[in-house]
Amino acid sequence: MKLSTNAASLAEGPAPTGNPACTGQFKMFFPKASQASDEPSKAERRALEICGRCPVREWCLERDLVESSTADRIIGVRGGLREADRRALHLQRYGQRPAKRAGVTW
């Protein structure tokens, strides 16, 4: 399976079944982030709509959360959630984690 540029960096681990809906639409998934307390922006809503019909959405979200060493490294829309929502989920799941260092695995 050929992954999109957006999903290619998340390709470690078991391969998902299906093709990412974001294929060929890389820039659209990095809109200017809205505040957590705000409604998603128009650009975020467009990206979320595409994620919502993606067959690998859960895989993409999990890979993003696992591979982000801190919530600050989470950007854009992935796995059906916007940046603010994924950061909150990351903090809920992991709390404050130190940045990855060479030779350290989580």
C-alpha atoms as a PDB file:
ATOM      1  CA  MET A   1       0.000   0.000   0.000  1.00  0.00           C
ATOM      2  CA  LYS A   2       1.290   3.459  -0.851  1.00  0.00           C
ATOM      3  CA  LEU A   3       0.820   5.893   2.024  1.00  0.00           C
ATOM      4  CA  SER A   4       0.185   9.579   1.578  1.00  0.00           C
ATOM      5  CA  THR A   5       2.846  12.073   2.567  1.00  0.00           C
ATOM      6  CA  ASN A   6       0.752  12.888   5.633  1.00  0.00           C
ATOM      7  CA  ALA A   7       0.568   9.272   6.779  1.00  0.00           C
ATOM      8  CA  ALA A   8       3.998   8.108   5.572  1.00  0.00           C
ATOM      9  CA  SER A   9       5.772   9.293   8.718  1.00  0.00           C
ATOM     10  CA  LEU A  10       3.463   7.050  10.750  1.00  0.00           C
ATOM     11  CA  ALA A  11       4.255   3.879   8.846  1.00  0.00           C
ATOM     12  CA  GLU A  12       6.033   1.981  11.652  1.00  0.00           C
ATOM     13  CA  GLY A  13       4.218  -0.928  13.211  1.00  0.00           C
ATOM     14  CA  PRO A  14       1.499  -3.057  11.688  1.00  0.00           C
ATOM     15  CA  ALA A  15       0.312  -1.691   8.390  1.00  0.00           C
ATOM     16  CA  PRO A  16      -3.243  -0.413   8.306  1.00  0.00           C
ATOM     17  CA  THR A  17      -5.805  -1.947   6.024  1.00  0.00           C
ATOM     18  CA  GLY A  18      -7.120   0.463   3.431  1.00  0.00           C
ATOM     19  CA  ASN A  19      -5.742   3.610   1.891  1.00  0.00           C
ATOM     20  CA  PRO A  20      -5.510   6.888   3.824  1.00  0.00           C
ATOM     21  CA  ALA A  21      -8.113   9.424   2.740  1.00  0.00           C
ATOM     22  CA  CYS A  22      -5.459  12.164   3.003  1.00  0.00           C
ATOM     23  CA  THR A  23      -3.468  10.822   0.040  1.00  0.00           C
ATOM     24  CA  GLY A  24      -2.246  13.739  -2.063  1.00  0.00           C
ATOM     25  CA  GLN A  25      -3.688  16.403   0.245  1.00  0.00           C
ATOM     26  CA  PHE A  26      -0.764  17.072   2.607  1.00  0.00           C
ATOM     27  CA  LYS A  27      -1.062  20.848   3.049  1.00  0.00           C
ATOM     28  CA  MET A  28      -4.739  20.730   3.917  1.00  0.00           C
ATOM     29  CA  PHE A  29      -3.953  18.864   7.156  1.00  0.00           C
ATOM     30  CA  PHE A  30      -1.815  21.650   8.596  1.00  0.00           C
ATOM     31  CA  PRO A  31      -4.193  24.614   8.845  1.00  0.00           C
ATOM     32  CA  LYS A  32      -3.657  27.431  11.313  1.00  0.00           C
ATOM     33  CA  ALA A  33      -4.727  25.841  14.596  1.00  0.00           C
ATOM     34  CA  SER A  34      -7.702  27.204  16.463  1.00  0.00           C
ATOM     35  CA  GLN A  35      -7.755  27.507  20.233  1.00  0.00           C
ATOM     36  CA  ALA A  36      -9.058  24.539  22.212  1.00  0.00           C
ATOM     37  CA  SER A  37     -11.994  26.611  23.432  1.00  0.00           C
ATOM     38  CA  ASP A  38     -12.965  27.682  19.879  1.00  0.00           C
ATOM     39  CA  GLU A  39     -14.976  25.802  17.300  1.00  0.00           C
ATOM     40  CA  PRO A  40     -12.811  24.244  14.566  1.00  0.00           C
ATOM     41  CA  SER A  41     -11.887  26.688  11.805  1.00  0.00           C
ATOM     42  CA  LYS A  42     -13.230  26.225   8.279  1.00  0.00           C
ATOM     43  CA  ALA A  43      -9.872  24.734   7.215  1.00  0.00           C
ATOM     44  CA  GLU A  44      -9.848  22.354  10.182  1.00  0.00           C
ATOM     45  CA  ARG A  45     -13.411  21.272   9.422  1.00  0.00           C
ATOM     46  CA  ARG A  46     -12.412  20.414   5.819  1.00  0.00           C
ATOM     47  CA  ALA A  47      -9.539  18.239   7.054  1.00  0.00           C
ATOM     48  CA  LEU A  48     -11.714  16.654   9.765  1.00  0.00           C
ATOM     49  CA  GLU A  49     -14.342  15.789   7.156  1.00  0.00           C
ATOM     50  CA  ILE A  50     -11.752  13.871   5.135  1.00  0.00           C
ATOM     51  CA  CYS A  51     -10.432  12.136   8.266  1.00  0.00           C
ATOM     52  CA  GLY A  52     -13.972  11.185   9.215  1.00  0.00           C
ATOM     53  CA  ARG A  53     -14.317   8.906   6.203  1.00  0.00           C
ATOM     54  CA  CYS A  54     -10.787   7.481   6.374  1.00  0.00           C
ATOM     55  CA  PRO A  55     -10.402   3.720   6.834  1.00  0.00           C
ATOM     56  CA  VAL A  56      -7.089   4.153   8.724  1.00  0.00           C
ATOM     57  CA  ARG A  57      -8.181   7.002  11.022  1.00  0.00           C
ATOM     58  CA  GLU A  58      -7.769   5.086  14.294  1.00  0.00           C
ATOM     59  CA  TRP A  59      -4.354   3.758  13.251  1.00  0.00           C
ATOM     60  CA  CYS A  60      -3.232   7.252  12.262  1.00  0.00           C
ATOM     61  CA  LEU A  61      -4.366   8.745  15.576  1.00  0.00           C
ATOM     62  CA  GLU A  62      -2.663   6.036  17.612  1.00  0.00           C
ATOM     63  CA  ARG A  63       0.617   6.350  15.681  1.00  0.00           C
ATOM     64  CA  ASP A  64       0.576  10.135  16.138  1.00  0.00           C
ATOM     65  CA  LEU A  65       0.000   9.903  19.893  1.00  0.00           C
ATOM     66  CA  VAL A  66       2.615   7.191  20.397  1.00  0.00           C
ATOM     67  CA  GLU A  67       5.271   8.876  18.271  1.00  0.00           C
ATOM     68  CA  SER A  68       4.851  12.396  19.685  1.00  0.00           C
ATOM     69  CA  SER A  69       7.302  12.694  22.553  1.00  0.00           C
ATOM     70  CA  THR A  70       5.466  15.716  23.972  1.00  0.00           C
ATOM     71  CA  ALA A  71       2.101  17.326  23.362  1.00  0.00           C
ATOM     72  CA  ASP A  72       3.940  20.344  21.932  1.00  0.00           C
ATOM     73  CA  ARG A  73       5.062  18.239  18.972  1.00  0.00           C
ATOM     74  CA  ILE A  74       1.502  17.558  17.878  1.00  0.00           C
ATOM     75  CA  ILE A  75       0.486  19.719  14.926  1.00  0.00           C
ATOM     76  CA  GLY A  76      -2.253  19.740  12.334  1.00  0.00           C
ATOM     77  CA  VAL A  77      -5.214  17.428  11.900  1.00  0.00           C
ATOM     78  CA  ARG A  78      -4.642  13.686  12.169  1.00  0.00           C
ATOM     79  CA  GLY A  79      -6.687  10.681  13.110  1.00  0.00           C
ATOM     80  CA  GLY A  80      -9.930  12.618  12.985  1.00  0.00           C
ATOM     81  CA  LEU A  81      -8.900  15.113  15.659  1.00  0.00           C
ATOM     82  CA  ARG A  82      -7.584  18.620  15.438  1.00  0.00           C
ATOM     83  CA  GLU A  83      -4.348  19.714  17.100  1.00  0.00           C
ATOM     84  CA  ALA A  84      -5.904  21.009  20.346  1.00  0.00           C
ATOM     85  CA  ASP A  85      -7.918  17.829  20.846  1.00  0.00           C
ATOM     86  CA  ARG A  86      -4.949  15.523  20.199  1.00  0.00           C
ATOM     87  CA  ARG A  87      -2.754  17.547  22.562  1.00  0.00           C
ATOM     88  CA  ALA A  88      -5.358  17.220  25.320  1.00  0.00           C
ATOM     89  CA  LEU A  89      -5.664  13.473  24.647  1.00  0.00           C
ATOM     90  CA  HIS A  90      -1.868  13.094  24.691  1.00  0.00           C
ATOM     91  CA  LEU A  91      -1.606  14.890  28.038  1.00  0.00           C
ATOM     92  CA  GLN A  92      -4.462  12.810  29.459  1.00  0.00           C
ATOM     93  CA  ARG A  93      -2.794   9.611  28.316  1.00  0.00           C
ATOM     94  CA  TYR A  94       0.855  10.365  29.092  1.00  0.00           C
ATOM     95  CA  GLY A  95       1.012  13.489  31.229  1.00  0.00           C
ATOM     96  CA  GLN A  96       4.182  15.443  30.661  1.00  0.00           C
ATOM     97  CA  ARG A  97       6.754  13.188  29.059  1.00  0.00           C
ATOM     98  CA  PRO A  98      10.363  14.183  28.516  1.00  0.00           C
ATOM     99  CA  ALA A  99      11.538  14.673  24.946  1.00  0.00           C
ATOM    100  CA  LYS A 100      12.900  11.568  23.214  1.00  0.00           C
ATOM    101  CA  ARG A 101      16.633  11.057  23.448  1.00  0.00           C
ATOM    102  CA  ALA A 102      18.864   8.891  21.304  1.00  0.00           C
ATOM    103  CA  GLY A 103      18.746   5.261  22.435  1.00  0.00           C
ATOM    104  CA  VAL A 104      15.651   5.726  24.597  1.00  0.00           C
ATOM    105  CA  THR A 105      12.497   3.860  23.686  1.00  0.00           C
ATOM    106  CA  TRP A 106       9.059   4.384  25.161  1.00  0.00           C
END
